[in-house]
Amino acid sequence: MLHPQTLFHGHGEKVEDRAKDQIEYVNEDKWVREKFESALAKCGITSLMPPKAYTDPNFEWNWSPFLKSAK
């Protein structure tokens, strides 16, 4: 489901319950991850998503290594 850009603030849906609005990584079917990683591999790319992101519902990404490399 696509959400409106902030340009159209107030003209889109309001997310009442995030669990009903999207599927979290820990709840997605395994074939979704397999298809994603297969598509990346066809382009010579490897996923940076740690396996724990798919198993720990409280996982929080550590962005600091990526923020440093972007400077």
N, C-alpha and C. Protein backbone atom coordinates (compact mmCIF):
# COMPACT_ATOMS: atom_id res chain seq x y z
N MET A 1 0.85 -1.16 0.00
CA MET A 1 0.00 0.00 0.00
C MET A 1 0.90 1.24 0.00
N LEU A 2 0.62 2.15 -0.88
CA LEU A 2 1.39 3.39 -0.94
C LEU A 2 0.75 4.45 -0.07
N HIS A 3 1.56 5.26 0.52
CA HIS A 3 1.07 6.35 1.36
C HIS A 3 1.33 7.67 0.66
N PRO A 4 0.49 8.66 0.88
CA PRO A 4 0.66 9.94 0.18
C PRO A 4 1.91 10.68 0.64
N GLN A 5 2.47 11.46 -0.26
CA GLN A 5 3.62 12.28 0.09
C GLN A 5 3.16 13.36 1.08
N THR A 6 4.11 13.94 1.79
CA THR A 6 3.76 14.98 2.76
C THR A 6 3.13 16.19 2.07
N LEU A 7 3.37 16.33 0.78
CA LEU A 7 2.75 17.40 0.01
C LEU A 7 1.23 17.33 0.13
N PHE A 8 0.72 16.12 0.24
CA PHE A 8 -0.72 15.90 0.31
C PHE A 8 -1.17 15.59 1.73
N HIS A 9 -0.51 16.17 2.70
CA HIS A 9 -0.82 15.92 4.11
C HIS A 9 -2.31 16.14 4.38
N GLY A 10 -2.91 15.17 5.03
CA GLY A 10 -4.32 15.28 5.37
C GLY A 10 -5.24 14.71 4.32
N HIS A 11 -4.68 14.29 3.19
CA HIS A 11 -5.51 13.76 2.12
C HIS A 11 -5.33 12.26 1.94
N GLY A 12 -4.75 11.60 2.88
CA GLY A 12 -4.52 10.17 2.77
C GLY A 12 -5.06 9.45 3.99
N GLU A 13 -4.74 8.19 4.03
CA GLU A 13 -5.22 7.39 5.14
C GLU A 13 -4.45 7.70 6.42
N LYS A 14 -5.05 7.43 7.54
CA LYS A 14 -4.39 7.55 8.83
C LYS A 14 -4.15 6.14 9.34
N VAL A 15 -2.91 5.82 9.66
CA VAL A 15 -2.58 4.49 10.14
C VAL A 15 -2.98 4.39 11.60
N GLU A 16 -4.01 3.61 11.84
CA GLU A 16 -4.51 3.42 13.20
C GLU A 16 -3.75 2.32 13.92
N ASP A 17 -3.45 1.26 13.19
CA ASP A 17 -2.80 0.09 13.78
C ASP A 17 -1.73 -0.39 12.81
N ARG A 18 -0.47 -0.16 13.15
CA ARG A 18 0.64 -0.50 12.26
C ARG A 18 0.66 -1.99 11.91
N ALA A 19 0.26 -2.85 12.85
CA ALA A 19 0.26 -4.29 12.60
C ALA A 19 -0.72 -4.67 11.50
N LYS A 20 -1.78 -3.90 11.34
CA LYS A 20 -2.75 -4.17 10.28
C LYS A 20 -2.34 -3.50 8.97
N ASP A 21 -1.42 -2.55 9.01
CA ASP A 21 -1.04 -1.77 7.84
C ASP A 21 0.13 -2.38 7.08
N GLN A 22 0.96 -3.16 7.74
CA GLN A 22 2.12 -3.73 7.08
C GLN A 22 2.50 -5.05 7.73
N ILE A 23 3.32 -5.82 7.04
CA ILE A 23 3.81 -7.09 7.57
C ILE A 23 5.25 -6.87 8.02
N GLU A 24 5.52 -7.11 9.28
CA GLU A 24 6.87 -6.96 9.81
C GLU A 24 7.73 -8.13 9.32
N TYR A 25 9.04 -7.93 9.26
CA TYR A 25 9.96 -8.96 8.77
C TYR A 25 9.77 -10.28 9.51
N VAL A 26 9.58 -10.24 10.82
CA VAL A 26 9.46 -11.49 11.59
C VAL A 26 8.18 -12.25 11.25
N ASN A 27 7.20 -11.57 10.66
CA ASN A 27 5.92 -12.21 10.34
C ASN A 27 5.76 -12.57 8.87
N GLU A 28 6.70 -12.17 8.02
CA GLU A 28 6.55 -12.45 6.59
C GLU A 28 6.88 -13.91 6.29
N ASP A 29 6.29 -14.42 5.23
CA ASP A 29 6.58 -15.79 4.79
C ASP A 29 8.04 -15.87 4.34
N LYS A 30 8.66 -17.03 4.57
CA LYS A 30 10.08 -17.20 4.25
C LYS A 30 10.36 -17.01 2.76
N TRP A 31 9.40 -17.33 1.90
CA TRP A 31 9.63 -17.20 0.46
C TRP A 31 9.84 -15.74 0.05
N VAL A 32 9.31 -14.79 0.82
CA VAL A 32 9.48 -13.38 0.49
C VAL A 32 10.98 -13.01 0.60
N ARG A 33 11.59 -13.43 1.68
CA ARG A 33 13.02 -13.14 1.87
C ARG A 33 13.85 -13.87 0.83
N GLU A 34 13.49 -15.13 0.55
CA GLU A 34 14.23 -15.90 -0.45
C GLU A 34 14.14 -15.24 -1.82
N LYS A 35 12.96 -14.77 -2.19
CA LYS A 35 12.78 -14.10 -3.48
C LYS A 35 13.58 -12.79 -3.52
N PHE A 36 13.54 -12.03 -2.43
CA PHE A 36 14.29 -10.78 -2.32
C PHE A 36 15.78 -11.03 -2.50
N GLU A 37 16.32 -12.00 -1.77
CA GLU A 37 17.75 -12.28 -1.84
C GLU A 37 18.14 -12.85 -3.20
N SER A 38 17.25 -13.61 -3.82
CA SER A 38 17.49 -14.14 -5.16
C SER A 38 17.56 -13.00 -6.18
N ALA A 39 16.65 -12.04 -6.06
CA ALA A 39 16.65 -10.89 -6.97
C ALA A 39 17.92 -10.06 -6.79
N LEU A 40 18.37 -9.90 -5.55
CA LEU A 40 19.62 -9.18 -5.30
C LEU A 40 20.80 -9.91 -5.93
N ALA A 41 20.82 -11.23 -5.75
CA ALA A 41 21.93 -12.04 -6.27
C ALA A 41 22.04 -11.93 -7.79
N LYS A 42 20.90 -11.85 -8.48
CA LYS A 42 20.92 -11.70 -9.94
C LYS A 42 21.60 -10.41 -10.37
N CYS A 43 21.61 -9.43 -9.48
CA CYS A 43 22.26 -8.13 -9.75
C CYS A 43 23.66 -8.05 -9.14
N GLY A 44 24.11 -9.16 -8.54
CA GLY A 44 25.43 -9.18 -7.92
C GLY A 44 25.48 -8.43 -6.60
N ILE A 45 24.34 -8.33 -5.93
CA ILE A 45 24.24 -7.59 -4.68
C ILE A 45 23.92 -8.55 -3.54
N THR A 46 24.45 -8.28 -2.36
CA THR A 46 24.16 -9.07 -1.17
C THR A 46 23.39 -8.21 -0.19
N SER A 47 22.38 -8.81 0.43
CA SER A 47 21.57 -8.09 1.42
C SER A 47 22.41 -7.74 2.64
N LEU A 48 22.20 -6.54 3.17
CA LEU A 48 22.86 -6.13 4.41
C LEU A 48 21.99 -6.40 5.63
N MET A 49 20.81 -6.95 5.41
CA MET A 49 19.88 -7.21 6.49
C MET A 49 20.40 -8.37 7.36
N PRO A 50 20.66 -8.11 8.62
CA PRO A 50 21.14 -9.19 9.49
C PRO A 50 20.03 -10.21 9.75
N PRO A 51 20.37 -11.49 9.86
CA PRO A 51 19.36 -12.52 10.12
C PRO A 51 18.48 -12.22 11.33
N LYS A 52 19.05 -11.55 12.33
CA LYS A 52 18.29 -11.23 13.55
C LYS A 52 17.08 -10.33 13.24
N ALA A 53 17.16 -9.54 12.19
CA ALA A 53 16.05 -8.66 11.82
C ALA A 53 14.81 -9.46 11.44
N TYR A 54 15.02 -10.70 11.02
CA TYR A 54 13.90 -11.56 10.62
C TYR A 54 13.38 -12.42 11.76
N THR A 55 14.08 -12.41 12.90
CA THR A 55 13.66 -13.27 14.02
C THR A 55 13.33 -12.51 15.30
N ASP A 56 13.89 -11.32 15.47
CA ASP A 56 13.69 -10.54 16.70
C ASP A 56 12.69 -9.40 16.44
N PRO A 57 11.48 -9.49 17.00
CA PRO A 57 10.49 -8.44 16.76
C PRO A 57 10.90 -7.07 17.30
N ASN A 58 11.89 -7.03 18.18
CA ASN A 58 12.36 -5.76 18.75
C ASN A 58 13.68 -5.31 18.16
N PHE A 59 14.07 -5.91 17.03
CA PHE A 59 15.34 -5.58 16.40
C PHE A 59 15.38 -4.10 16.02
N GLU A 60 16.51 -3.47 16.27
CA GLU A 60 16.73 -2.08 15.85
C GLU A 60 18.03 -2.02 15.06
N TRP A 61 17.95 -1.46 13.88
CA TRP A 61 19.10 -1.37 12.98
C TRP A 61 20.11 -0.37 13.52
N ASN A 62 21.38 -0.72 13.43
CA ASN A 62 22.46 0.18 13.81
C ASN A 62 22.89 0.93 12.54
N TRP A 63 22.49 2.17 12.41
CA TRP A 63 22.74 2.96 11.21
C TRP A 63 24.10 3.63 11.21
N SER A 64 24.81 3.68 12.34
CA SER A 64 26.04 4.47 12.42
C SER A 64 27.09 4.10 11.36
N PRO A 65 27.32 2.83 11.03
CA PRO A 65 28.33 2.55 9.99
C PRO A 65 27.93 3.15 8.62
N PHE A 66 26.66 3.21 8.34
CA PHE A 66 26.20 3.73 7.05
C PHE A 66 26.23 5.26 7.03
N LEU A 67 25.97 5.87 8.18
CA LEU A 67 26.01 7.32 8.24
C LEU A 67 27.43 7.84 8.08
N LYS A 68 28.39 7.12 8.64
CA LYS A 68 29.80 7.53 8.51
C LYS A 68 30.28 7.43 7.07
N SER A 69 29.86 6.36 6.36
CA SER A 69 30.33 6.17 4.98
C SER A 69 29.65 7.13 4.01
N ALA A 70 28.54 7.73 4.40
CA ALA A 70 27.83 8.65 3.51
C ALA A 70 28.45 10.05 3.52
N LYS A 71 29.30 10.33 4.49
CA LYS A 71 29.90 11.67 4.59
C LYS A 71 31.05 11.86 3.64
